[in-house]
C-alpha atoms as a PDB file:
ATOM      1  CA  MET A   1      31.679 -25.984  93.830  1.00  0.00           C
ATOM      2  CA  PRO A   2      34.935 -27.701  92.723  1.00  0.00           C
ATOM      3  CA  GLN A   3      35.551 -28.053  89.003  1.00  0.00           C
ATOM      4  CA  MET A   4      34.718 -31.417  87.516  1.00  0.00           C
ATOM      5  CA  THR A   5      37.524 -33.235  85.746  1.00  0.00           C
ATOM      6  CA  THR A   6      37.315 -35.603  82.808  1.00  0.00           C
ATOM      7  CA  GLU A   7      39.673 -38.174  84.285  1.00  0.00           C
ATOM      8  CA  PRO A   8      39.802 -39.666  87.778  1.00  0.00           C
ATOM      9  CA  VAL A   9      42.390 -38.204  90.114  1.00  0.00           C
ATOM     10  CA  PRO A  10      44.610 -41.054  91.355  1.00  0.00           C
ATOM     11  CA  PRO A  11      44.222 -41.785  95.079  1.00  0.00           C
ATOM     12  CA  ALA A  12      47.979 -41.279  95.505  1.00  0.00           C
ATOM     13  CA  PHE A  13      50.759 -40.064  93.284  1.00  0.00           C
ATOM     14  CA  PRO A  14      52.747 -42.855  91.644  1.00  0.00           C
ATOM     15  CA  ARG A  15      55.912 -43.261  93.629  1.00  0.00           C
ATOM     16  CA  PHE A  16      59.057 -43.948  91.664  1.00  0.00           C
ATOM     17  CA  GLN A  17      61.548 -44.109  94.513  1.00  0.00           C
ATOM     18  CA  SER A  18      62.518 -47.739  93.814  1.00  0.00           C
ATOM     19  CA  THR A  19      62.952 -47.020  90.095  1.00  0.00           C
ATOM     20  CA  VAL A  20      65.224 -43.973  90.335  1.00  0.00           C
ATOM     21  CA  PRO A  21      68.650 -45.619  89.715  1.00  0.00           C
ATOM     22  CA  HIS A  22      67.154 -47.811  86.982  1.00  0.00           C
ATOM     23  CA  TYR A  23      65.403 -44.833  85.377  1.00  0.00           C
ATOM     24  CA  VAL A  24      68.605 -42.799  85.153  1.00  0.00           C
ATOM     25  CA  ALA A  25      70.642 -45.772  83.889  1.00  0.00           C
ATOM     26  CA  GLY A  26      68.137 -47.295  81.478  1.00  0.00           C
ATOM     27  CA  ARG A  27      65.735 -44.727  80.057  1.00  0.00           C
ATOM     28  CA  PRO A  28      66.905 -43.195  76.775  1.00  0.00           C
ATOM     29  CA  ASN A  29      67.476 -39.462  76.904  1.00  0.00           C
ATOM     30  CA  TYR A  30      66.073 -37.194  74.209  1.00  0.00           C
ATOM     31  CA  ALA A  31      68.183 -36.323  71.181  1.00  0.00           C
ATOM     32  CA  PRO A  32      70.068 -33.020  71.654  1.00  0.00           C
ATOM     33  CA  ALA A  33      69.226 -32.148  68.047  1.00  0.00           C
ATOM     34  CA  LEU A  34      65.515 -32.349  68.917  1.00  0.00           C
ATOM     35  CA  ILE A  35      65.968 -29.961  71.848  1.00  0.00           C
ATOM     36  CA  ARG A  36      67.681 -27.449  69.545  1.00  0.00           C
ATOM     37  CA  THR A  37      64.976 -27.855  66.887  1.00  0.00           C
ATOM     38  CA  VAL A  38      62.179 -27.234  69.395  1.00  0.00           C
ATOM     39  CA  ALA A  39      64.014 -24.217  70.845  1.00  0.00           C
ATOM     40  CA  ASP A  40      64.365 -22.759  67.340  1.00  0.00           C
ATOM     41  CA  HIS A  41      60.743 -23.545  66.482  1.00  0.00           C
ATOM     42  CA  LEU A  42      59.506 -21.645  69.557  1.00  0.00           C
ATOM     43  CA  HIS A  43      62.107 -18.851  69.220  1.00  0.00           C
ATOM     44  CA  LEU A  44      63.195 -19.387  72.816  1.00  0.00           C
ATOM     45  CA  SER A  45      65.492 -16.760  74.317  1.00  0.00           C
ATOM     46  CA  ASN A  46      66.922 -15.541  77.617  1.00  0.00           C
ATOM     47  CA  ASP A  47      63.741 -13.486  78.058  1.00  0.00           C
ATOM     48  CA  HIS A  48      61.676 -16.653  78.476  1.00  0.00           C
ATOM     49  CA  ARG A  49      60.882 -19.009  81.359  1.00  0.00           C
ATOM     50  CA  LEU A  50      60.322 -22.748  80.927  1.00  0.00           C
ATOM     51  CA  MET A  51      58.625 -25.266  83.199  1.00  0.00           C
ATOM     52  CA  ASP A  52      59.533 -28.971  83.089  1.00  0.00           C
ATOM     53  CA  LEU A  53      56.414 -30.583  84.574  1.00  0.00           C
ATOM     54  CA  GLY A  54      56.869 -34.101  85.945  1.00  0.00           C
ATOM     55  CA  CYS A  55      60.565 -33.494  85.449  1.00  0.00           C
ATOM     56  CA  GLY A  56      61.899 -36.770  86.899  1.00  0.00           C
ATOM     57  CA  PRO A  57      65.711 -36.540  86.805  1.00  0.00           C
ATOM     58  CA  GLY A  58      65.438 -33.155  85.089  1.00  0.00           C
ATOM     59  CA  TRP A  59      66.707 -34.152  81.661  1.00  0.00           C
ATOM     60  CA  LEU A  60      64.419 -31.839  79.683  1.00  0.00           C
ATOM     61  CA  GLY A  61      64.787 -28.838  81.942  1.00  0.00           C
ATOM     62  CA  ILE A  62      68.565 -29.192  81.986  1.00  0.00           C
ATOM     63  CA  ALA A  63      68.682 -29.604  78.203  1.00  0.00           C
ATOM     64  CA  PHE A  64      66.584 -26.474  77.608  1.00  0.00           C
ATOM     65  CA  ALA A  65      68.367 -24.330  80.203  1.00  0.00           C
ATOM     66  CA  PRO A  66      70.899 -22.869  77.712  1.00  0.00           C
ATOM     67  CA  PHE A  67      68.037 -21.627  75.510  1.00  0.00           C
ATOM     68  CA  VAL A  68      65.983 -19.747  78.133  1.00  0.00           C
ATOM     69  CA  GLY A  69      66.470 -17.393  81.041  1.00  0.00           C
ATOM     70  CA  GLN A  70      64.976 -19.577  83.788  1.00  0.00           C
ATOM     71  CA  VAL A  71      63.864 -23.189  84.220  1.00  0.00           C
ATOM     72  CA  ILE A  72      61.642 -24.629  86.935  1.00  0.00           C
ATOM     73  CA  GLY A  73      61.366 -28.410  87.295  1.00  0.00           C
ATOM     74  CA  ILE A  74      58.406 -29.873  89.201  1.00  0.00           C
ATOM     75  CA  ASP A  75      58.043 -33.490  90.333  1.00  0.00           C
ATOM     76  CA  PRO A  76      56.211 -35.290  93.180  1.00  0.00           C
ATOM     77  CA  GLU A  77      59.067 -37.738  93.896  1.00  0.00           C
ATOM     78  CA  PRO A  78      61.779 -36.319  96.193  1.00  0.00           C
ATOM     79  CA  ALA A  79      64.287 -38.981  95.130  1.00  0.00           C
ATOM     80  CA  MET A  80      63.924 -37.896  91.497  1.00  0.00           C
ATOM     81  CA  LEU A  81      64.490 -34.265  92.457  1.00  0.00           C
ATOM     82  CA  GLU A  82      67.680 -35.186  94.323  1.00  0.00           C
ATOM     83  CA  VAL A  83      69.001 -36.895  91.193  1.00  0.00           C
ATOM     84  CA  ALA A  84      67.990 -33.870  89.117  1.00  0.00           C
ATOM     85  CA  ARG A  85      69.963 -31.594  91.452  1.00  0.00           C
ATOM     86  CA  THR A  86      73.014 -33.827  91.112  1.00  0.00           C
ATOM     87  CA  ILE A  87      72.795 -33.956  87.307  1.00  0.00           C
ATOM     88  CA  ALA A  88      72.209 -30.199  87.050  1.00  0.00           C
ATOM     89  CA  ALA A  89      75.204 -29.463  89.283  1.00  0.00           C
ATOM     90  CA  ALA A  90      77.416 -31.816  87.261  1.00  0.00           C
ATOM     91  CA  SER A  91      76.262 -30.034  84.094  1.00  0.00           C
ATOM     92  CA  SER A  92      76.824 -26.568  85.650  1.00  0.00           C
ATOM     93  CA  VAL A  93      73.182 -25.738  84.930  1.00  0.00           C
ATOM     94  CA  ALA A  94      71.045 -23.502  87.149  1.00  0.00           C
ATOM     95  CA  ILE A  95      67.534 -24.937  87.526  1.00  0.00           C
ATOM     96  CA  GLU A  96      64.948 -24.441  90.265  1.00  0.00           C
ATOM     97  CA  LEU A  97      63.486 -27.758  91.436  1.00  0.00           C
ATOM     98  CA  VAL A  98      60.170 -27.899  93.273  1.00  0.00           C
ATOM     99  CA  GLU A  99      58.334 -30.820  94.868  1.00  0.00           C
ATOM    100  CA  GLY A 100      54.838 -30.731  93.412  1.00  0.00           C
ATOM    101  CA  SER A 101      52.712 -31.926  90.520  1.00  0.00           C
ATOM    102  CA  SER A 102      50.120 -30.958  87.958  1.00  0.00           C
ATOM    103  CA  TYR A 103      47.608 -30.866  90.830  1.00  0.00           C
ATOM    104  CA  SER A 104      49.514 -28.025  92.525  1.00  0.00           C
ATOM    105  CA  LEU A 105      49.811 -25.744  89.487  1.00  0.00           C
ATOM    106  CA  GLY A 106      48.827 -22.147  90.147  1.00  0.00           C
ATOM    107  CA  LEU A 107      49.490 -18.494  89.429  1.00  0.00           C
ATOM    108  CA  HIS A 108      52.099 -18.409  92.211  1.00  0.00           C
ATOM    109  CA  LEU A 109      54.491 -20.045  89.723  1.00  0.00           C
ATOM    110  CA  GLY A 110      54.341 -17.108  87.300  1.00  0.00           C
ATOM    111  CA  THR A 111      54.073 -17.341  83.527  1.00  0.00           C
ATOM    112  CA  PHE A 112      56.059 -19.382  81.025  1.00  0.00           C
ATOM    113  CA  ARG A 113      56.881 -19.407  77.349  1.00  0.00           C
ATOM    114  CA  ALA A 114      56.873 -23.204  77.314  1.00  0.00           C
ATOM    115  CA  VAL A 115      55.948 -26.174  79.499  1.00  0.00           C
ATOM    116  CA  THR A 116      57.658 -29.463  78.693  1.00  0.00           C
ATOM    117  CA  ILE A 117      56.279 -32.836  79.786  1.00  0.00           C
ATOM    118  CA  GLY A 118      58.295 -35.971  79.141  1.00  0.00           C
ATOM    119  CA  ARG A 119      56.630 -39.377  79.555  1.00  0.00           C
ATOM    120  CA  ALA A 120      54.482 -38.025  82.394  1.00  0.00           C
ATOM    121  CA  PHE A 121      51.283 -36.631  80.853  1.00  0.00           C
ATOM    122  CA  HIS A 122      49.504 -39.978  81.292  1.00  0.00           C
ATOM    123  CA  TRP A 123      49.831 -39.655  85.098  1.00  0.00           C
ATOM    124  CA  MET A 124      47.889 -36.387  85.104  1.00  0.00           C
ATOM    125  CA  ASP A 125      44.286 -35.370  84.793  1.00  0.00           C
ATOM    126  CA  ARG A 126      45.141 -34.163  81.322  1.00  0.00           C
ATOM    127  CA  THR A 127      42.111 -31.932  80.704  1.00  0.00           C
ATOM    128  CA  ASP A 128      42.441 -30.219  84.069  1.00  0.00           C
ATOM    129  CA  THR A 129      46.207 -29.808  83.614  1.00  0.00           C
ATOM    130  CA  LEU A 130      45.752 -28.106  80.241  1.00  0.00           C
ATOM    131  CA  ARG A 131      43.097 -25.838  81.742  1.00  0.00           C
ATOM    132  CA  LYS A 132      45.515 -24.757  84.466  1.00  0.00           C
ATOM    133  CA  LEU A 133      48.375 -24.314  82.017  1.00  0.00           C
ATOM    134  CA  ASP A 134      46.193 -22.021  79.919  1.00  0.00           C
ATOM    135  CA  ASP A 135      46.542 -19.461  82.726  1.00  0.00           C
ATOM    136  CA  LEU A 136      50.320 -19.922  83.030  1.00  0.00           C
ATOM    137  CA  ILE A 137      51.547 -20.055  79.433  1.00  0.00           C
ATOM    138  CA  GLU A 138      52.087 -16.893  77.404  1.00  0.00           C
ATOM    139  CA  GLN A 139      49.674 -16.399  74.524  1.00  0.00           C
ATOM    140  CA  ASP A 140      52.221 -17.436  71.903  1.00  0.00           C
ATOM    141  CA  GLY A 141      53.705 -20.164  74.110  1.00  0.00           C
ATOM    142  CA  ALA A 142      53.276 -23.917  73.987  1.00  0.00           C
ATOM    143  CA  VAL A 143      52.912 -27.217  75.781  1.00  0.00           C
ATOM    144  CA  ILE A 144      55.450 -29.735  74.465  1.00  0.00           C
ATOM    145  CA  LEU A 145      55.000 -33.471  75.071  1.00  0.00           C
ATOM    146  CA  PHE A 146      58.157 -35.549  74.622  1.00  0.00           C
ATOM    147  CA  ASN A 147      58.233 -39.244  73.824  1.00  0.00           C
ATOM    148  CA  ASP A 148      60.316 -41.820  71.996  1.00  0.00           C
ATOM    149  CA  VAL A 149      59.382 -44.561  69.530  1.00  0.00           C
ATOM    150  CA  ARG A 150      61.267 -47.292  67.725  1.00  0.00           C
ATOM    151  CA  PRO A 151      60.900 -47.382  63.925  1.00  0.00           C
ATOM    152  CA  ASP A 152      60.209 -50.769  62.360  1.00  0.00           C
ATOM    153  CA  VAL A 153      63.729 -51.317  61.030  1.00  0.00           C
ATOM    154  CA  PRO A 154      65.916 -54.468  61.118  1.00  0.00           C
ATOM    155  CA  GLN A 155      68.153 -53.039  63.845  1.00  0.00           C
ATOM    156  CA  ASN A 156      65.167 -53.063  66.221  1.00  0.00           C
ATOM    157  CA  ALA A 157      64.352 -56.757  65.742  1.00  0.00           C
ATOM    158  CA  TRP A 158      65.177 -57.349  69.437  1.00  0.00           C
ATOM    159  CA  TYR A 159      62.479 -54.967  70.643  1.00  0.00           C
ATOM    160  CA  LYS A 160      59.608 -57.444  70.276  1.00  0.00           C
ATOM    161  CA  SER A 161      61.395 -59.924  72.545  1.00  0.00           C
ATOM    162  CA  TYR A 162      62.188 -57.130  74.990  1.00  0.00           C
ATOM    163  CA  THR A 163      58.518 -56.111  75.298  1.00  0.00           C
ATOM    164  CA  GLU A 164      57.434 -59.744  75.673  1.00  0.00           C
ATOM    165  CA  VAL A 165      59.744 -60.178  78.665  1.00  0.00           C
ATOM    166  CA  VAL A 166      58.504 -56.950  80.249  1.00  0.00           C
ATOM    167  CA  ASP A 167      54.872 -57.986  79.668  1.00  0.00           C
ATOM    168  CA  ARG A 168      55.447 -61.256  81.553  1.00  0.00           C
ATOM    169  CA  PHE A 169      56.328 -59.294  84.679  1.00  0.00           C
ATOM    170  CA  THR A 170      53.964 -56.335  84.313  1.00  0.00           C
ATOM    171  CA  ASN A 171      51.535 -55.594  87.126  1.00  0.00           C
ATOM    172  CA  ARG A 172      48.656 -54.319  85.041  1.00  0.00           C
ATOM    173  CA  SER A 173      46.680 -53.182  88.088  1.00  0.00           C
ATOM    174  CA  VAL A 174      48.904 -50.079  88.337  1.00  0.00           C
ATOM    175  CA  GLY A 175      48.850 -49.261  84.617  1.00  0.00           C
ATOM    176  CA  PHE A 176      46.355 -47.587  82.325  1.00  0.00           C
ATOM    177  CA  ALA A 177      43.587 -49.088  80.242  1.00  0.00           C
ATOM    178  CA  PRO A 178      44.556 -49.480  76.559  1.00  0.00           C
ATOM    179  CA  GLU A 179      41.349 -47.743  75.441  1.00  0.00           C
ATOM    180  CA  ARG A 180      42.357 -44.509  77.172  1.00  0.00           C
ATOM    181  CA  LEU A 181      42.219 -41.499  74.869  1.00  0.00           C
ATOM    182  CA  ARG A 182      45.414 -40.610  73.059  1.00  0.00           C
ATOM    183  CA  HIS A 183      47.141 -37.397  74.062  1.00  0.00           C
ATOM    184  CA  GLU A 184      46.369 -35.880  70.650  1.00  0.00           C
ATOM    185  CA  THR A 185      42.625 -36.320  71.268  1.00  0.00           C
ATOM    186  CA  VAL A 186      42.846 -34.570  74.630  1.00  0.00           C
ATOM    187  CA  LEU A 187      44.916 -31.726  73.183  1.00  0.00           C
ATOM    188  CA  LEU A 188      42.562 -31.203  70.247  1.00  0.00           C
ATOM    189  CA  ALA A 189      39.695 -30.749  72.717  1.00  0.00           C
ATOM    190  CA  SER A 190      41.652 -28.108  74.639  1.00  0.00           C
ATOM    191  CA  ARG A 191      42.764 -24.543  73.942  1.00  0.00           C
ATOM    192  CA  PHE A 192      46.124 -25.997  72.842  1.00  0.00           C
ATOM    193  CA  ASP A 193      44.696 -27.537  69.682  1.00  0.00           C
ATOM    194  CA  GLN A 194      47.296 -26.497  67.085  1.00  0.00           C
ATOM    195  CA  LEU A 195      49.605 -29.512  66.937  1.00  0.00           C
ATOM    196  CA  THR A 196      53.011 -29.969  65.332  1.00  0.00           C
ATOM    197  CA  ARG A 197      55.173 -33.069  65.728  1.00  0.00           C
ATOM    198  CA  LEU A 198      58.939 -32.933  65.372  1.00  0.00           C
ATOM    199  CA  GLY A 199      61.269 -35.927  65.458  1.00  0.00           C
ATOM    200  CA  VAL A 200      64.940 -36.832  65.348  1.00  0.00           C
ATOM    201  CA  ILE A 201      66.169 -40.386  64.644  1.00  0.00           C
ATOM    202  CA  GLU A 202      69.364 -41.755  66.181  1.00  0.00           C
ATOM    203  CA  GLN A 203      71.147 -45.106  66.165  1.00  0.00           C
ATOM    204  CA  LYS A 204      72.824 -46.185  69.390  1.00  0.00           C
ATOM    205  CA  SER A 205      74.603 -49.169  70.898  1.00  0.00           C
ATOM    206  CA  VAL A 206      72.857 -50.112  74.155  1.00  0.00           C
ATOM    207  CA  PRO A 207      74.199 -52.580  76.746  1.00  0.00           C
ATOM    208  CA  VAL A 208      71.730 -55.340  77.627  1.00  0.00           C
ATOM    209  CA  ASP A 209      72.214 -54.412  81.294  1.00  0.00           C
ATOM    210  CA  ARG A 210      70.756 -50.994  80.502  1.00  0.00           C
ATOM    211  CA  LEU A 211      67.696 -52.662  78.941  1.00  0.00           C
ATOM    212  CA  ILE A 212      67.196 -54.488  82.231  1.00  0.00           C
ATOM    213  CA  ASP A 213      67.371 -51.122  84.004  1.00  0.00           C
ATOM    214  CA  ARG A 214      64.864 -49.747  81.513  1.00  0.00           C
ATOM    215  CA  ALA A 215      62.408 -52.532  82.299  1.00  0.00           C
ATOM    216  CA  LEU A 216      62.818 -51.997  86.057  1.00  0.00           C
ATOM    217  CA  SER A 217      62.272 -48.245  85.625  1.00  0.00           C
ATOM    218  CA  MET A 218      58.618 -48.736  84.671  1.00  0.00           C
ATOM    219  CA  SER A 219      55.955 -48.198  87.330  1.00  0.00           C
ATOM    220  CA  THR A 220      54.322 -51.488  86.328  1.00  0.00           C
ATOM    221  CA  SER A 221      57.524 -53.542  86.593  1.00  0.00           C
ATOM    222  CA  SER A 222      59.492 -51.657  89.233  1.00  0.00           C
ATOM    223  CA  PRO A 223      61.531 -53.348  91.975  1.00  0.00           C
ATOM    224  CA  GLU A 224      58.787 -52.268  94.387  1.00  0.00           C
ATOM    225  CA  GLN A 225      56.209 -54.152  92.303  1.00  0.00           C
ATOM    226  CA  LEU A 226      58.327 -57.220  91.540  1.00  0.00           C
ATOM    227  CA  GLY A 227      60.319 -57.795  94.707  1.00  0.00           C
ATOM    228  CA  GLU A 228      62.380 -60.974  94.311  1.00  0.00           C
ATOM    229  CA  LEU A 229      61.040 -61.399  90.771  1.00  0.00           C
ATOM    230  CA  SER A 230      63.347 -58.566  89.677  1.00  0.00           C
ATOM    231  CA  GLY A 231      66.172 -61.100  89.442  1.00  0.00           C
ATOM    232  CA  GLN A 232      64.072 -63.387  87.259  1.00  0.00           C
ATOM    233  CA  LEU A 233      63.277 -60.511  84.920  1.00  0.00           C
ATOM    234  CA  ALA A 234      66.985 -59.780  84.596  1.00  0.00           C
ATOM    235  CA  GLN A 235      67.795 -63.421  83.835  1.00  0.00           C
ATOM    236  CA  GLN A 236      65.065 -63.764  81.220  1.00  0.00           C
ATOM    237  CA  MET A 237      65.978 -60.463  79.594  1.00  0.00           C
ATOM    238  CA  THR A 238      69.634 -61.491  79.327  1.00  0.00           C
ATOM    239  CA  ALA A 239      68.665 -64.817  77.750  1.00  0.00           C
ATOM    240  CA  GLU A 240      66.183 -63.294  75.295  1.00  0.00           C
ATOM    241  CA  MET A 241      68.605 -60.581  74.156  1.00  0.00           C
ATOM    242  CA  LEU A 242      71.503 -63.020  73.602  1.00  0.00           C
ATOM    243  CA  PRO A 243      70.659 -63.784  69.920  1.00  0.00           C
ATOM    244  CA  PHE A 244      70.535 -60.052  69.120  1.00  0.00           C
ATOM    245  CA  ALA A 245      73.556 -58.857  71.121  1.00  0.00           C
ATOM    246  CA  SER A 246      77.155 -58.369  70.108  1.00  0.00           C
ATOM    247  CA  ASN A 247      79.664 -57.979  72.947  1.00  0.00           C
ATOM    248  CA  GLY A 248      76.759 -57.488  75.336  1.00  0.00           C
ATOM    249  CA  ASN A 249      75.141 -54.679  73.311  1.00  0.00           C
ATOM    250  CA  VAL A 250      72.184 -54.352  70.973  1.00  0.00           C
ATOM    251  CA  VAL A 251      71.722 -51.700  68.295  1.00  0.00           C
ATOM    252  CA  GLU A 252      68.742 -49.439  68.886  1.00  0.00           C
ATOM    253  CA  VAL A 253      67.234 -47.048  66.372  1.00  0.00           C
ATOM    254  CA  ILE A 254      65.141 -44.579  68.324  1.00  0.00           C
ATOM    255  CA  GLU A 255      63.104 -41.542  67.316  1.00  0.00           C
ATOM    256  CA  SER A 256      62.822 -38.797  69.909  1.00  0.00           C
ATOM    257  CA  GLN A 257      59.553 -36.950  69.341  1.00  0.00           C
ATOM    258  CA  ALA A 258      58.160 -33.611  70.479  1.00  0.00           C
ATOM    259  CA  LEU A 259      54.451 -32.882  70.115  1.00  0.00           C
ATOM    260  CA  ILE A 260      54.108 -29.098  70.234  1.00  0.00           C
ATOM    261  CA  ALA A 261      50.652 -27.829  71.179  1.00  0.00           C
ATOM    262  CA  ARG A 262      49.805 -24.158  70.746  1.00  0.00           C
ATOM    263  CA  ARG A 263      46.667 -22.057  70.817  1.00  0.00           C
ATOM    264  CA  ARG A 264      45.040 -20.673  67.710  1.00  0.00           C
END
């Protein structure tokens, strides 16, 4: 009898092919200082292997590569993996990239000191994924969820207008219900119930054009979803950001976060 899962398996994997150039151009990368802090916290070394699950363009796997002996990146979107290969080659980083997903995890992959997941855990059957990872992660290893948030500071005054524009164009039928359990709740009900959150705050100057890319990189407001409306989103975003921009840029204060989940 197949194992029951606590969350419905999607009928098809979300496809991000139309978002790839916008994702790479517009999504904020994680602070290098946070990567170093997590590596120190977990005492990563060349003796360890790391999996970047739902790796997208491979940012996390590439960033952690200098701290471990081997990195495997897994993603269901071939176009994302091609970008990851290009970025890894440009960075002179060796990383194995595999087309797959949380639904294809198994012992054939070997064991890992750490599994990183950046902005992808919500696409998975989270309980089932953690159950599978329990067999793949060393006893003193960890699952690390990466995310970013914007502190409520004056520099981020533009962010409310940004989200309002994105909301106008969002196709909510491909998103997730707001009452869905938080990741912390799912982790606390799993074997990985010892949670530590680390964060690093940075201030950056971001071109408005990159904010348009960021909006188009979302599954709910991708070019595939919007079609010709993509141009309207760009026009409205440019107009709404005008009062906040200087020389075509806004100031963004962003906190890169890592939620480290370990066993007792």
